[in-house]
Amino acid sequence: MHHLLIMEELGGDERFFDRFLAQHIAFGYYALVIVLYLINPVEAYNLNQDVEEHAFATYDEYLKENEEKLKSMPAPQAAIDYYVDGDMYMFGKFFDLWIDCCCSHSTPYFSHRCPLKQ
């Protein structure tokens, strides 16, 4: 998600039609993947992999073609928020959730794994 915010700040959100089309394609893609997953989970995974590989190639091409221009610009605020100030992998949030879940008395099956009880 952060990469979309970064691209918007770099000018990808200037035209209404681009925003409109992107939002509706994303919604349609989401619905398609859900239906495909219900029919064939492996194909849904493969479709996502193909889309991610295409996205990588597209972003890589964009970076190579615009390298000098991008280096001369200040970093977009979305990039700073995510890469500098944010929890990139949300490890803290997942760890807190794991501690809450696994160390509670309501889940005795996992409570022996709680690092706070050792």
N, C-alpha and C. Protein backbone atom coordinates (compact mmCIF):
# COMPACT_ATOMS: atom_id res chain seq x y z
N MET A 1 0.82 -1.19 0.00
CA MET A 1 0.00 0.00 0.00
C MET A 1 0.86 1.26 0.00
N HIS A 2 1.97 1.23 0.73
CA HIS A 2 2.80 2.43 0.81
C HIS A 2 3.35 2.83 -0.55
N HIS A 3 3.62 1.85 -1.42
CA HIS A 3 4.15 2.20 -2.74
C HIS A 3 3.13 2.97 -3.57
N LEU A 4 1.86 2.69 -3.36
CA LEU A 4 0.82 3.44 -4.06
C LEU A 4 0.75 4.88 -3.56
N LEU A 5 0.88 5.06 -2.25
CA LEU A 5 0.89 6.40 -1.68
C LEU A 5 2.08 7.20 -2.19
N ILE A 6 3.23 6.54 -2.29
CA ILE A 6 4.44 7.21 -2.79
C ILE A 6 4.22 7.64 -4.24
N MET A 7 3.69 6.75 -5.06
CA MET A 7 3.46 7.10 -6.47
C MET A 7 2.43 8.22 -6.61
N GLU A 8 1.44 8.25 -5.74
CA GLU A 8 0.48 9.36 -5.76
C GLU A 8 1.17 10.68 -5.47
N GLU A 9 2.05 10.70 -4.48
CA GLU A 9 2.76 11.92 -4.14
C GLU A 9 3.71 12.36 -5.25
N LEU A 10 4.16 11.43 -6.06
CA LEU A 10 5.04 11.78 -7.17
C LEU A 10 4.26 12.24 -8.40
N GLY A 11 2.95 12.35 -8.26
CA GLY A 11 2.14 12.89 -9.35
C GLY A 11 1.17 11.91 -9.96
N GLY A 12 1.10 10.71 -9.46
CA GLY A 12 0.22 9.70 -10.03
C GLY A 12 -1.25 9.92 -9.74
N ASP A 13 -1.57 10.92 -8.94
CA ASP A 13 -2.98 11.16 -8.61
C ASP A 13 -3.49 12.48 -9.19
N GLU A 14 -2.78 13.02 -10.17
CA GLU A 14 -3.15 14.33 -10.70
C GLU A 14 -4.42 14.32 -11.54
N ARG A 15 -4.63 13.25 -12.28
CA ARG A 15 -5.80 13.22 -13.16
C ARG A 15 -6.91 12.37 -12.54
N PHE A 16 -8.11 12.91 -12.57
CA PHE A 16 -9.28 12.22 -12.00
C PHE A 16 -9.48 10.86 -12.65
N PHE A 17 -9.38 10.81 -13.96
CA PHE A 17 -9.62 9.55 -14.67
C PHE A 17 -8.66 8.46 -14.21
N ASP A 18 -7.39 8.80 -14.01
CA ASP A 18 -6.41 7.82 -13.54
C ASP A 18 -6.79 7.27 -12.17
N ARG A 19 -7.18 8.16 -11.26
CA ARG A 19 -7.59 7.72 -9.91
C ARG A 19 -8.84 6.85 -9.99
N PHE A 20 -9.81 7.30 -10.77
CA PHE A 20 -11.07 6.57 -10.93
C PHE A 20 -10.83 5.17 -11.48
N LEU A 21 -10.05 5.11 -12.55
CA LEU A 21 -9.76 3.82 -13.19
C LEU A 21 -9.00 2.90 -12.24
N ALA A 22 -7.99 3.42 -11.58
CA ALA A 22 -7.19 2.59 -10.67
C ALA A 22 -8.03 2.04 -9.52
N GLN A 23 -8.88 2.86 -8.94
CA GLN A 23 -9.71 2.39 -7.82
C GLN A 23 -10.69 1.32 -8.27
N HIS A 24 -11.28 1.48 -9.43
CA HIS A 24 -12.26 0.51 -9.88
C HIS A 24 -11.61 -0.78 -10.38
N ILE A 25 -10.45 -0.67 -10.98
CA ILE A 25 -9.72 -1.88 -11.37
C ILE A 25 -9.30 -2.65 -10.12
N ALA A 26 -8.85 -1.94 -9.09
CA ALA A 26 -8.45 -2.60 -7.84
C ALA A 26 -9.63 -3.33 -7.21
N PHE A 27 -10.79 -2.71 -7.20
CA PHE A 27 -11.98 -3.36 -6.64
C PHE A 27 -12.35 -4.60 -7.47
N GLY A 28 -12.33 -4.46 -8.79
CA GLY A 28 -12.65 -5.60 -9.66
C GLY A 28 -11.65 -6.73 -9.49
N TYR A 29 -10.37 -6.38 -9.38
CA TYR A 29 -9.33 -7.39 -9.19
C TYR A 29 -9.54 -8.13 -7.87
N TYR A 30 -9.87 -7.38 -6.82
CA TYR A 30 -10.12 -7.98 -5.51
C TYR A 30 -11.28 -8.98 -5.60
N ALA A 31 -12.36 -8.59 -6.25
CA ALA A 31 -13.51 -9.48 -6.40
C ALA A 31 -13.14 -10.71 -7.22
N LEU A 32 -12.38 -10.51 -8.29
CA LEU A 32 -11.95 -11.62 -9.13
C LEU A 32 -11.10 -12.62 -8.34
N VAL A 33 -10.18 -12.12 -7.54
CA VAL A 33 -9.31 -13.01 -6.77
C VAL A 33 -10.11 -13.80 -5.74
N ILE A 34 -11.09 -13.17 -5.13
CA ILE A 34 -11.92 -13.90 -4.16
C ILE A 34 -12.67 -15.04 -4.85
N VAL A 35 -13.29 -14.74 -5.98
CA VAL A 35 -14.02 -15.79 -6.71
C VAL A 35 -13.07 -16.87 -7.18
N LEU A 36 -11.93 -16.47 -7.72
CA LEU A 36 -10.94 -17.45 -8.18
C LEU A 36 -10.43 -18.31 -7.03
N TYR A 37 -10.23 -17.70 -5.87
CA TYR A 37 -9.77 -18.46 -4.71
C TYR A 37 -10.80 -19.51 -4.29
N LEU A 38 -12.05 -19.16 -4.36
CA LEU A 38 -13.10 -20.12 -4.01
C LEU A 38 -13.13 -21.30 -4.99
N ILE A 39 -12.80 -21.02 -6.25
CA ILE A 39 -12.79 -22.07 -7.28
C ILE A 39 -11.48 -22.86 -7.26
N ASN A 40 -10.35 -22.12 -7.22
CA ASN A 40 -9.05 -22.77 -7.31
C ASN A 40 -8.00 -21.90 -6.60
N PRO A 41 -7.71 -22.19 -5.33
CA PRO A 41 -6.77 -21.37 -4.57
C PRO A 41 -5.37 -21.27 -5.19
N VAL A 42 -4.91 -22.32 -5.83
CA VAL A 42 -3.58 -22.29 -6.44
C VAL A 42 -3.53 -21.27 -7.58
N GLU A 43 -4.57 -21.25 -8.39
CA GLU A 43 -4.61 -20.27 -9.48
C GLU A 43 -4.74 -18.84 -8.96
N ALA A 44 -5.44 -18.65 -7.87
CA ALA A 44 -5.54 -17.32 -7.26
C ALA A 44 -4.15 -16.86 -6.80
N TYR A 45 -3.41 -17.76 -6.20
CA TYR A 45 -2.04 -17.45 -5.77
C TYR A 45 -1.17 -17.13 -6.98
N ASN A 46 -1.27 -17.95 -8.02
CA ASN A 46 -0.46 -17.72 -9.22
C ASN A 46 -0.80 -16.39 -9.88
N LEU A 47 -2.06 -16.03 -9.89
CA LEU A 47 -2.46 -14.73 -10.45
C LEU A 47 -1.83 -13.59 -9.65
N ASN A 48 -1.88 -13.69 -8.33
CA ASN A 48 -1.26 -12.67 -7.48
C ASN A 48 0.24 -12.59 -7.73
N GLN A 49 0.87 -13.73 -7.89
CA GLN A 49 2.31 -13.74 -8.16
C GLN A 49 2.61 -13.06 -9.50
N ASP A 50 1.82 -13.33 -10.51
CA ASP A 50 2.01 -12.69 -11.82
C ASP A 50 1.83 -11.18 -11.73
N VAL A 51 0.82 -10.74 -10.99
CA VAL A 51 0.58 -9.31 -10.84
C VAL A 51 1.74 -8.65 -10.10
N GLU A 52 2.23 -9.28 -9.05
CA GLU A 52 3.36 -8.72 -8.29
C GLU A 52 4.63 -8.66 -9.13
N GLU A 53 4.86 -9.68 -9.94
CA GLU A 53 6.04 -9.66 -10.81
C GLU A 53 5.94 -8.55 -11.84
N HIS A 54 4.74 -8.35 -12.39
CA HIS A 54 4.53 -7.26 -13.34
C HIS A 54 4.72 -5.90 -12.65
N ALA A 55 4.21 -5.78 -11.44
CA ALA A 55 4.37 -4.53 -10.69
C ALA A 55 5.85 -4.25 -10.44
N PHE A 56 6.60 -5.26 -10.07
CA PHE A 56 8.04 -5.07 -9.85
C PHE A 56 8.71 -4.58 -11.12
N ALA A 57 8.41 -5.22 -12.24
CA ALA A 57 9.04 -4.84 -13.51
C ALA A 57 8.67 -3.40 -13.88
N THR A 58 7.42 -3.03 -13.65
CA THR A 58 6.97 -1.68 -13.97
C THR A 58 7.65 -0.64 -13.10
N TYR A 59 7.70 -0.88 -11.79
CA TYR A 59 8.36 0.06 -10.88
C TYR A 59 9.86 0.12 -11.17
N ASP A 60 10.47 -1.00 -11.47
CA ASP A 60 11.89 -1.02 -11.77
C ASP A 60 12.19 -0.19 -13.02
N GLU A 61 11.37 -0.34 -14.03
CA GLU A 61 11.53 0.45 -15.26
C GLU A 61 11.35 1.95 -14.97
N TYR A 62 10.34 2.28 -14.17
CA TYR A 62 10.09 3.68 -13.80
C TYR A 62 11.30 4.27 -13.07
N LEU A 63 11.85 3.51 -12.13
CA LEU A 63 13.01 3.99 -11.37
C LEU A 63 14.22 4.20 -12.26
N LYS A 64 14.45 3.28 -13.18
CA LYS A 64 15.60 3.41 -14.08
C LYS A 64 15.44 4.59 -15.03
N GLU A 65 14.24 4.78 -15.55
CA GLU A 65 14.01 5.87 -16.50
C GLU A 65 14.03 7.24 -15.83
N ASN A 66 13.72 7.32 -14.55
CA ASN A 66 13.59 8.60 -13.86
C ASN A 66 14.60 8.75 -12.71
N GLU A 67 15.69 8.01 -12.76
CA GLU A 67 16.63 7.98 -11.64
C GLU A 67 17.15 9.36 -11.27
N GLU A 68 17.64 10.11 -12.23
CA GLU A 68 18.22 11.43 -11.93
C GLU A 68 17.17 12.39 -11.39
N LYS A 69 16.00 12.38 -11.99
CA LYS A 69 14.92 13.27 -11.54
C LYS A 69 14.51 12.93 -10.10
N LEU A 70 14.37 11.64 -9.81
CA LEU A 70 13.96 11.22 -8.48
C LEU A 70 15.02 11.54 -7.42
N LYS A 71 16.29 11.40 -7.78
CA LYS A 71 17.37 11.71 -6.84
C LYS A 71 17.42 13.20 -6.51
N SER A 72 16.96 14.03 -7.43
CA SER A 72 17.00 15.47 -7.20
C SER A 72 15.81 15.98 -6.39
N MET A 73 14.82 15.15 -6.20
CA MET A 73 13.60 15.54 -5.47
C MET A 73 13.70 15.12 -4.01
N PRO A 74 13.01 15.85 -3.12
CA PRO A 74 12.93 15.38 -1.73
C PRO A 74 12.08 14.10 -1.66
N ALA A 75 12.34 13.30 -0.66
CA ALA A 75 11.58 12.06 -0.50
C ALA A 75 10.12 12.38 -0.21
N PRO A 76 9.19 11.65 -0.82
CA PRO A 76 7.77 11.86 -0.52
C PRO A 76 7.49 11.57 0.96
N GLN A 77 6.57 12.30 1.53
CA GLN A 77 6.24 12.14 2.94
C GLN A 77 5.78 10.72 3.25
N ALA A 78 5.07 10.09 2.33
CA ALA A 78 4.62 8.71 2.55
C ALA A 78 5.81 7.77 2.71
N ALA A 79 6.89 8.01 1.95
CA ALA A 79 8.09 7.18 2.08
C ALA A 79 8.76 7.40 3.42
N ILE A 80 8.84 8.65 3.85
CA ILE A 80 9.45 8.96 5.14
C ILE A 80 8.64 8.32 6.26
N ASP A 81 7.32 8.47 6.19
CA ASP A 81 6.45 7.90 7.22
C ASP A 81 6.62 6.39 7.31
N TYR A 82 6.76 5.73 6.18
CA TYR A 82 6.84 4.27 6.18
C TYR A 82 8.25 3.76 6.48
N TYR A 83 9.24 4.27 5.76
CA TYR A 83 10.59 3.70 5.86
C TYR A 83 11.41 4.25 7.02
N VAL A 84 11.12 5.46 7.47
CA VAL A 84 11.91 6.06 8.54
C VAL A 84 11.17 6.01 9.87
N ASP A 85 9.94 6.49 9.87
CA ASP A 85 9.20 6.62 11.13
C ASP A 85 8.31 5.43 11.44
N GLY A 86 8.00 4.61 10.46
CA GLY A 86 7.03 3.55 10.66
C GLY A 86 7.65 2.23 11.07
N ASP A 87 6.77 1.30 11.40
CA ASP A 87 7.17 -0.07 11.72
C ASP A 87 6.97 -0.86 10.43
N MET A 88 8.02 -0.94 9.60
CA MET A 88 7.89 -1.49 8.25
C MET A 88 7.26 -2.88 8.21
N TYR A 89 7.59 -3.69 9.14
CA TYR A 89 7.10 -5.06 9.10
C TYR A 89 6.02 -5.32 10.15
N MET A 90 5.64 -4.28 10.86
CA MET A 90 4.61 -4.36 11.89
C MET A 90 4.93 -5.44 12.91
N PHE A 91 6.24 -5.70 13.12
CA PHE A 91 6.64 -6.75 14.04
C PHE A 91 6.10 -6.48 15.44
N GLY A 92 6.19 -5.23 15.88
CA GLY A 92 5.72 -4.89 17.21
C GLY A 92 4.25 -5.20 17.39
N LYS A 93 3.45 -4.88 16.38
CA LYS A 93 2.01 -5.13 16.46
C LYS A 93 1.72 -6.62 16.49
N PHE A 94 2.40 -7.40 15.64
CA PHE A 94 2.18 -8.84 15.62
C PHE A 94 2.66 -9.48 16.93
N PHE A 95 3.79 -9.02 17.45
CA PHE A 95 4.30 -9.58 18.69
C PHE A 95 3.35 -9.28 19.84
N ASP A 96 2.84 -8.04 19.89
CA ASP A 96 1.88 -7.68 20.94
C ASP A 96 0.63 -8.55 20.85
N LEU A 97 0.16 -8.78 19.63
CA LEU A 97 -1.03 -9.61 19.44
C LEU A 97 -0.73 -11.04 19.88
N TRP A 98 0.45 -11.54 19.54
CA TRP A 98 0.82 -12.90 19.92
C TRP A 98 0.88 -13.03 21.44
N ILE A 99 1.48 -12.04 22.10
CA ILE A 99 1.56 -12.06 23.56
C ILE A 99 0.16 -12.03 24.16
N ASP A 100 -0.70 -11.15 23.64
CA ASP A 100 -2.07 -11.06 24.17
C ASP A 100 -2.81 -12.38 24.00
N CYS A 101 -2.65 -12.99 22.84
CA CYS A 101 -3.38 -14.22 22.54
C CYS A 101 -2.79 -15.43 23.27
N CYS A 102 -1.50 -15.62 23.13
CA CYS A 102 -0.87 -16.84 23.62
C CYS A 102 -0.64 -16.85 25.12
N CYS A 103 -0.53 -15.70 25.72
CA CYS A 103 -0.22 -15.66 27.15
C CYS A 103 -1.46 -15.46 28.01
N SER A 104 -2.60 -15.38 27.36
CA SER A 104 -3.81 -15.19 28.16
C SER A 104 -4.25 -16.53 28.74
N HIS A 105 -5.02 -16.46 29.77
CA HIS A 105 -5.51 -17.68 30.41
C HIS A 105 -6.61 -18.35 29.59
N SER A 106 -7.14 -17.60 28.61
CA SER A 106 -8.22 -18.17 27.80
C SER A 106 -7.70 -19.13 26.73
N THR A 107 -6.39 -19.15 26.52
CA THR A 107 -5.82 -20.06 25.53
C THR A 107 -4.75 -20.92 26.19
N PRO A 108 -5.13 -21.84 27.04
CA PRO A 108 -4.13 -22.63 27.77
C PRO A 108 -3.28 -23.50 26.86
N TYR A 109 -3.76 -23.82 25.67
CA TYR A 109 -2.99 -24.67 24.77
C TYR A 109 -1.65 -24.01 24.41
N PHE A 110 -1.65 -22.69 24.22
CA PHE A 110 -0.43 -21.98 23.84
C PHE A 110 0.27 -21.31 25.01
N SER A 111 -0.32 -21.29 26.16
CA SER A 111 0.25 -20.52 27.26
C SER A 111 1.63 -21.02 27.69
N HIS A 112 1.95 -22.28 27.45
CA HIS A 112 3.28 -22.78 27.81
C HIS A 112 4.38 -22.18 26.93
N ARG A 113 4.00 -21.59 25.78
CA ARG A 113 4.99 -20.97 24.88
C ARG A 113 5.22 -19.49 25.18
N CYS A 114 4.52 -18.97 26.10
CA CYS A 114 4.61 -17.53 26.38
C CYS A 114 6.00 -17.17 26.91
N PRO A 115 6.72 -16.27 26.24
CA PRO A 115 8.06 -15.92 26.69
C PRO A 115 8.06 -15.16 28.01
N LEU A 116 6.94 -14.59 28.39
CA LEU A 116 6.89 -13.85 29.63
C LEU A 116 6.74 -14.76 30.83
N LYS A 117 6.39 -16.02 30.61
CA LYS A 117 6.21 -16.96 31.70
C LYS A 117 7.44 -17.83 31.93
N GLN A 118 8.49 -17.59 31.18
CA GLN A 118 9.68 -18.44 31.30
C GLN A 118 10.67 -17.83 32.27
